[in-house]
Amino acid sequence: MSDAVGGGDTLSPVELLVALHALDPTRDSVPLKRVMEAVALCFQQRAVYTPEVLGAVLNQLAEQSPLPLLLMRTVIQTAAAAPKLKPRILETLSKLVSKQVRELVFMESRG
């Protein structure tokens, strides 16, 4: 990633928030508290992190395997910041539960 001031590539708001969730405190030597603070700063930028952007972020995070460490915290923050997304959030959580159940059934049938 290049420096945005120098005219290089920049990240979209969705890409930035997804990238923050990809940080691993152990692997990347970034304290979890700092990652949480960075995510919170994104949520404070309501003009940038609109319900549409937050919805796109949740969709991408829910597709990752393994799920990001801060996913549930971000889901809660999204529900507070964008109440109109609550039905979409519930649908996403339902899909995640169904996916987990299918994986457990598959693993039990193999072993």
Protein backbone atom coordinates (compact mmCIF):
# COMPACT_ATOMS: atom_id res chain seq x y z
CA MET A 1 0.00 0.00 0.00
CA SER A 2 1.44 3.36 -1.03
CA ASP A 3 1.25 6.63 0.79
CA ALA A 4 -1.97 8.39 -0.19
CA VAL A 5 -0.31 11.81 0.14
CA GLY A 6 2.27 10.82 -2.47
CA GLY A 7 -0.45 10.06 -5.01
CA GLY A 8 -0.25 6.29 -4.63
CA ASP A 9 -3.06 3.84 -4.22
CA THR A 10 -5.61 4.47 -1.52
CA LEU A 11 -7.98 2.14 0.24
CA SER A 12 -11.73 2.53 0.05
CA PRO A 13 -13.56 2.78 3.39
CA VAL A 14 -14.68 -0.84 2.99
CA GLU A 15 -11.14 -2.01 2.25
CA LEU A 16 -9.75 -0.12 5.24
CA LEU A 17 -12.19 -1.55 7.75
CA VAL A 18 -11.78 -5.07 6.35
CA ALA A 19 -7.98 -4.67 6.47
CA LEU A 20 -8.15 -3.60 10.13
CA HIS A 21 -10.03 -6.82 10.88
CA ALA A 22 -7.30 -8.80 9.13
CA LEU A 23 -4.68 -7.60 11.60
CA ASP A 24 -3.56 -10.32 13.97
CA PRO A 25 -2.31 -8.93 17.29
CA THR A 26 0.24 -11.73 17.68
CA ARG A 27 1.41 -12.08 14.09
CA ASP A 28 1.44 -8.36 13.31
CA SER A 29 2.63 -7.13 16.72
CA VAL A 30 -0.30 -4.73 16.98
CA PRO A 31 -2.04 -4.56 20.35
CA LEU A 32 -5.68 -5.62 20.10
CA LYS A 33 -6.66 -2.43 21.92
CA ARG A 34 -5.11 -0.35 19.10
CA VAL A 35 -7.00 -2.30 16.45
CA MET A 36 -10.23 -1.76 18.39
CA GLU A 37 -9.48 1.96 18.64
CA ALA A 38 -8.84 2.17 14.89
CA VAL A 39 -12.13 0.42 14.15
CA ALA A 40 -13.91 2.78 16.56
CA LEU A 41 -12.40 5.77 14.73
CA CYS A 42 -13.90 4.47 11.50
CA PHE A 43 -17.33 4.27 13.11
CA GLN A 44 -16.99 7.88 14.25
CA GLN A 45 -16.69 8.98 10.61
CA ARG A 46 -20.42 8.62 9.92
CA ALA A 47 -20.26 10.59 6.67
CA VAL A 48 -17.80 8.01 5.31
CA TYR A 49 -18.97 4.86 7.07
CA THR A 50 -22.59 4.99 5.94
CA PRO A 51 -25.01 2.09 6.42
CA GLU A 52 -24.24 0.97 2.86
CA VAL A 53 -20.50 0.88 3.56
CA LEU A 54 -20.98 -0.91 6.88
CA GLY A 55 -23.24 -3.46 5.21
CA ALA A 56 -20.58 -4.15 2.58
CA VAL A 57 -17.96 -4.54 5.31
CA LEU A 58 -20.10 -7.04 7.23
CA ASN A 59 -20.71 -9.05 4.05
CA GLN A 60 -16.99 -9.32 3.40
CA LEU A 61 -16.11 -10.13 7.00
CA ALA A 62 -18.78 -12.84 7.21
CA GLU A 63 -17.28 -14.59 4.17
CA GLN A 64 -13.82 -14.87 5.70
CA SER A 65 -12.51 -18.09 7.14
CA PRO A 66 -11.68 -18.09 9.92
CA LEU A 67 -13.98 -15.31 11.01
CA PRO A 68 -12.17 -12.17 12.18
CA LEU A 69 -11.58 -11.83 15.90
CA LEU A 70 -13.47 -8.53 16.10
CA LEU A 71 -16.42 -9.56 13.92
CA MET A 72 -19.02 -9.71 16.69
CA ARG A 73 -17.84 -6.42 18.18
CA THR A 74 -18.18 -4.83 14.73
CA VAL A 75 -21.64 -6.36 14.31
CA ILE A 76 -22.73 -4.74 17.59
CA GLN A 77 -21.17 -1.40 16.61
CA THR A 78 -22.90 -1.59 13.23
CA ALA A 79 -26.28 -2.29 14.83
CA ALA A 80 -25.82 0.78 17.05
CA ALA A 81 -24.54 3.04 14.26
CA ALA A 82 -26.98 1.91 11.58
CA PRO A 83 -30.21 0.57 13.10
CA LYS A 84 -31.75 0.14 9.65
CA LEU A 85 -29.23 -2.66 9.04
CA LYS A 86 -30.55 -4.83 11.89
CA PRO A 87 -32.58 -7.13 9.59
CA ARG A 88 -29.53 -7.59 7.36
CA ILE A 89 -27.35 -8.24 10.41
CA LEU A 90 -29.77 -10.90 11.65
CA GLU A 91 -29.74 -12.54 8.21
CA THR A 92 -25.93 -12.57 8.19
CA LEU A 93 -25.76 -14.05 11.69
CA SER A 94 -28.30 -16.70 10.72
CA LYS A 95 -26.18 -17.67 7.70
CA LEU A 96 -23.08 -17.90 9.90
CA VAL A 97 -24.86 -20.19 12.36
CA SER A 98 -26.14 -22.41 9.54
CA LYS A 99 -22.65 -22.59 8.04
CA GLN A 100 -21.17 -23.56 11.41
CA VAL A 101 -23.80 -26.27 11.93
CA ARG A 102 -23.10 -27.72 8.46
CA GLU A 103 -19.37 -27.77 9.20
CA LEU A 104 -19.94 -29.53 12.53
CA VAL A 105 -22.22 -32.15 10.95
CA PHE A 106 -19.67 -32.74 8.21
CA MET A 107 -16.86 -33.16 10.73
CA GLU A 108 -18.93 -35.55 12.87
CA SER A 109 -19.83 -37.67 9.85
CA ARG A 110 -16.15 -38.02 8.94
CA GLY A 111 -14.92 -38.97 12.34
